[in-house]
Amino acid sequence: MYYKKSQAQQFTIPGGTDGVLYPAHPKGEQSIAYIEMEGEYPVGGYSFNDVCTETLYMQEGHFTVEYGGETFELDPGDVLMLLPGKKYRTWGKGKAVIVITPSWDKAQNHIITL
């Protein structure tokens, strides 16, 4: 499968994140997003997925991720796999590619506000 960036769906998340979500695998097995963030996600809380694993590949900059009771400092080339059922939050300035397995489904992502 080949996709140009122009085929991706653009999105903005409050807190300083812009990105694109590429079309999903035809059988729903995975999707890929690219994000540029300067701020935090989610603002004032945590996020968690019921089903999807998000594998974050840090491309540029620096993110701090609080995940499963630990804090991870991500620099270019680092990878962090966010498993379903564990809350996380992210802050920093950088660019990352996220592989989502199975394909992204907004209904399975939840925000917990503090």
C-alpha atoms as a PDB file:
ATOM      1  CA  MET A   1       0.000   0.000   0.000  1.00  0.00           C
ATOM      2  CA  TYR A   2       1.276   3.460  -0.860  1.00  0.00           C
ATOM      3  CA  TYR A   3      -0.143   6.717   0.464  1.00  0.00           C
ATOM      4  CA  LYS A   4       0.870  10.305  -0.120  1.00  0.00           C
ATOM      5  CA  LYS A   5       0.597  12.786   2.735  1.00  0.00           C
ATOM      6  CA  SER A   6      -2.186  14.506   0.791  1.00  0.00           C
ATOM      7  CA  GLN A   7      -4.312  11.353   1.322  1.00  0.00           C
ATOM      8  CA  ALA A   8      -3.975  11.568   5.112  1.00  0.00           C
ATOM      9  CA  GLN A   9      -6.601  13.123   7.387  1.00  0.00           C
ATOM     10  CA  GLN A  10      -5.305  16.204   9.200  1.00  0.00           C
ATOM     11  CA  PHE A  11      -6.122  16.691  12.885  1.00  0.00           C
ATOM     12  CA  THR A  12      -5.431  19.078  15.742  1.00  0.00           C
ATOM     13  CA  ILE A  13      -5.581  18.096  19.411  1.00  0.00           C
ATOM     14  CA  PRO A  14      -5.945  20.772  22.097  1.00  0.00           C
ATOM     15  CA  GLY A  15      -2.688  21.345  23.950  1.00  0.00           C
ATOM     16  CA  GLY A  16      -0.413  21.841  20.950  1.00  0.00           C
ATOM     17  CA  THR A  17      -0.571  18.728  18.753  1.00  0.00           C
ATOM     18  CA  ASP A  18      -1.081  18.740  14.987  1.00  0.00           C
ATOM     19  CA  GLY A  19      -0.869  15.662  12.850  1.00  0.00           C
ATOM     20  CA  VAL A  20      -2.064  13.472  10.042  1.00  0.00           C
ATOM     21  CA  LEU A  21      -3.657  10.024  10.157  1.00  0.00           C
ATOM     22  CA  TYR A  22      -2.985   7.903   7.085  1.00  0.00           C
ATOM     23  CA  PRO A  23      -5.632   5.542   5.667  1.00  0.00           C
ATOM     24  CA  ALA A  24      -5.903   2.330   7.656  1.00  0.00           C
ATOM     25  CA  HIS A  25      -4.834  -1.113   6.541  1.00  0.00           C
ATOM     26  CA  PRO A  26      -7.649  -2.608   4.389  1.00  0.00           C
ATOM     27  CA  LYS A  27      -8.371  -5.262   7.039  1.00  0.00           C
ATOM     28  CA  GLY A  28      -8.041  -2.832   9.965  1.00  0.00           C
ATOM     29  CA  GLU A  29      -4.777  -4.339  11.183  1.00  0.00           C
ATOM     30  CA  GLN A  30      -2.909  -1.045  11.642  1.00  0.00           C
ATOM     31  CA  SER A  31      -2.801   2.650  10.923  1.00  0.00           C
ATOM     32  CA  ILE A  32      -0.036   5.224  11.035  1.00  0.00           C
ATOM     33  CA  ALA A  33      -0.065   8.797  12.301  1.00  0.00           C
ATOM     34  CA  TYR A  34       2.529  11.546  12.188  1.00  0.00           C
ATOM     35  CA  ILE A  35       2.446  14.214  14.906  1.00  0.00           C
ATOM     36  CA  GLU A  36       4.137  17.493  15.671  1.00  0.00           C
ATOM     37  CA  MET A  37       3.663  18.539  19.278  1.00  0.00           C
ATOM     38  CA  GLU A  38       4.633  21.559  21.347  1.00  0.00           C
ATOM     39  CA  GLY A  39       2.736  21.283  24.582  1.00  0.00           C
ATOM     40  CA  GLU A  40       0.956  18.417  26.309  1.00  0.00           C
ATOM     41  CA  TYR A  41      -1.465  15.604  25.544  1.00  0.00           C
ATOM     42  CA  PRO A  42      -4.026  15.357  26.905  1.00  0.00           C
ATOM     43  CA  VAL A  43      -4.370  18.735  28.600  1.00  0.00           C
ATOM     44  CA  GLY A  44      -4.849  18.255  32.335  1.00  0.00           C
ATOM     45  CA  GLY A  45      -5.284  14.511  32.385  1.00  0.00           C
ATOM     46  CA  TYR A  46      -4.431  11.097  30.980  1.00  0.00           C
ATOM     47  CA  SER A  47      -5.364   9.081  27.905  1.00  0.00           C
ATOM     48  CA  PHE A  48      -5.823   5.342  27.569  1.00  0.00           C
ATOM     49  CA  ASN A  49      -6.868   2.901  24.866  1.00  0.00           C
ATOM     50  CA  ASP A  50      -9.177  -0.084  25.290  1.00  0.00           C
ATOM     51  CA  VAL A  51      -7.807  -1.989  22.288  1.00  0.00           C
ATOM     52  CA  CYS A  52      -5.050  -0.196  20.361  1.00  0.00           C
ATOM     53  CA  THR A  53      -1.332  -0.396  21.004  1.00  0.00           C
ATOM     54  CA  GLU A  54       0.406   2.833  19.998  1.00  0.00           C
ATOM     55  CA  THR A  55       4.089   2.442  19.137  1.00  0.00           C
ATOM     56  CA  LEU A  56       5.691   5.873  19.181  1.00  0.00           C
ATOM     57  CA  TYR A  57       8.917   6.433  17.215  1.00  0.00           C
ATOM     58  CA  MET A  58      10.565   9.721  18.192  1.00  0.00           C
ATOM     59  CA  GLN A  59      11.797  11.427  15.054  1.00  0.00           C
ATOM     60  CA  GLU A  60      12.877  14.871  16.261  1.00  0.00           C
ATOM     61  CA  GLY A  61      12.910  16.856  19.510  1.00  0.00           C
ATOM     62  CA  HIS A  62      12.117  15.532  22.977  1.00  0.00           C
ATOM     63  CA  PHE A  63       8.984  14.115  24.632  1.00  0.00           C
ATOM     64  CA  THR A  64       8.454  13.129  28.236  1.00  0.00           C
ATOM     65  CA  VAL A  65       5.868  10.371  28.617  1.00  0.00           C
ATOM     66  CA  GLU A  66       4.322   9.322  31.904  1.00  0.00           C
ATOM     67  CA  TYR A  67       3.066   5.777  31.332  1.00  0.00           C
ATOM     68  CA  GLY A  68       2.075   2.976  33.659  1.00  0.00           C
ATOM     69  CA  GLY A  69       3.544   4.709  36.719  1.00  0.00           C
ATOM     70  CA  GLU A  70       6.926   5.392  35.074  1.00  0.00           C
ATOM     71  CA  THR A  71       8.377   8.418  33.265  1.00  0.00           C
ATOM     72  CA  PHE A  72      10.223   8.001  29.970  1.00  0.00           C
ATOM     73  CA  GLU A  73      12.397  10.617  28.238  1.00  0.00           C
ATOM     74  CA  LEU A  74      12.213  10.132  24.461  1.00  0.00           C
ATOM     75  CA  ASP A  75      14.849  11.486  22.100  1.00  0.00           C
ATOM     76  CA  PRO A  76      15.297  10.943  18.341  1.00  0.00           C
ATOM     77  CA  GLY A  77      15.438   7.236  17.494  1.00  0.00           C
ATOM     78  CA  ASP A  78      13.743   6.110  20.721  1.00  0.00           C
ATOM     79  CA  VAL A  79      10.629   3.905  20.651  1.00  0.00           C
ATOM     80  CA  LEU A  80       7.924   3.550  23.300  1.00  0.00           C
ATOM     81  CA  MET A  81       5.085   1.035  23.019  1.00  0.00           C
ATOM     82  CA  LEU A  82       1.885   2.168  24.787  1.00  0.00           C
ATOM     83  CA  LEU A  83      -0.208  -0.914  25.528  1.00  0.00           C
ATOM     84  CA  PRO A  84      -3.998  -0.906  25.903  1.00  0.00           C
ATOM     85  CA  GLY A  85      -5.497  -0.387  29.342  1.00  0.00           C
ATOM     86  CA  LYS A  86      -2.650   1.738  30.738  1.00  0.00           C
ATOM     87  CA  LYS A  87      -3.010   5.478  31.166  1.00  0.00           C
ATOM     88  CA  TYR A  88      -0.428   7.867  29.743  1.00  0.00           C
ATOM     89  CA  ARG A  89       0.290  11.524  29.126  1.00  0.00           C
ATOM     90  CA  THR A  90       2.913  13.234  27.001  1.00  0.00           C
ATOM     91  CA  TRP A  91       4.550  16.654  26.955  1.00  0.00           C
ATOM     92  CA  GLY A  92       7.396  18.305  25.091  1.00  0.00           C
ATOM     93  CA  LYS A  93       8.302  19.622  21.669  1.00  0.00           C
ATOM     94  CA  GLY A  94       9.001  17.294  18.787  1.00  0.00           C
ATOM     95  CA  LYS A  95       7.889  15.134  15.895  1.00  0.00           C
ATOM     96  CA  ALA A  96       6.961  11.462  16.003  1.00  0.00           C
ATOM     97  CA  VAL A  97       5.541   8.633  13.938  1.00  0.00           C
ATOM     98  CA  ILE A  98       2.950   6.440  15.656  1.00  0.00           C
ATOM     99  CA  VAL A  99       2.074   2.934  14.463  1.00  0.00           C
ATOM    100  CA  ILE A 100      -1.356   1.965  15.805  1.00  0.00           C
ATOM    101  CA  THR A 101      -2.372  -1.701  16.025  1.00  0.00           C
ATOM    102  CA  PRO A 102      -5.167  -2.504  15.254  1.00  0.00           C
ATOM    103  CA  SER A 103      -6.215   0.539  13.239  1.00  0.00           C
ATOM    104  CA  TRP A 104      -7.134   3.697  15.100  1.00  0.00           C
ATOM    105  CA  ASP A 105     -10.689   3.901  16.378  1.00  0.00           C
ATOM    106  CA  LYS A 106     -11.573   7.072  18.278  1.00  0.00           C
ATOM    107  CA  ALA A 107     -14.322   5.241  20.214  1.00  0.00           C
ATOM    108  CA  GLN A 108     -11.735   3.072  22.023  1.00  0.00           C
ATOM    109  CA  ASN A 109      -9.621   6.042  23.234  1.00  0.00           C
ATOM    110  CA  HIS A 110     -10.566   7.728  26.510  1.00  0.00           C
ATOM    111  CA  ILE A 111      -9.433  10.856  28.327  1.00  0.00           C
ATOM    112  CA  ILE A 112      -9.329  10.987  32.137  1.00  0.00           C
ATOM    113  CA  THR A 113      -9.294  14.543  33.457  1.00  0.00           C
ATOM    114  CA  LEU A 114      -7.601  15.364  36.730  1.00  0.00           C
END
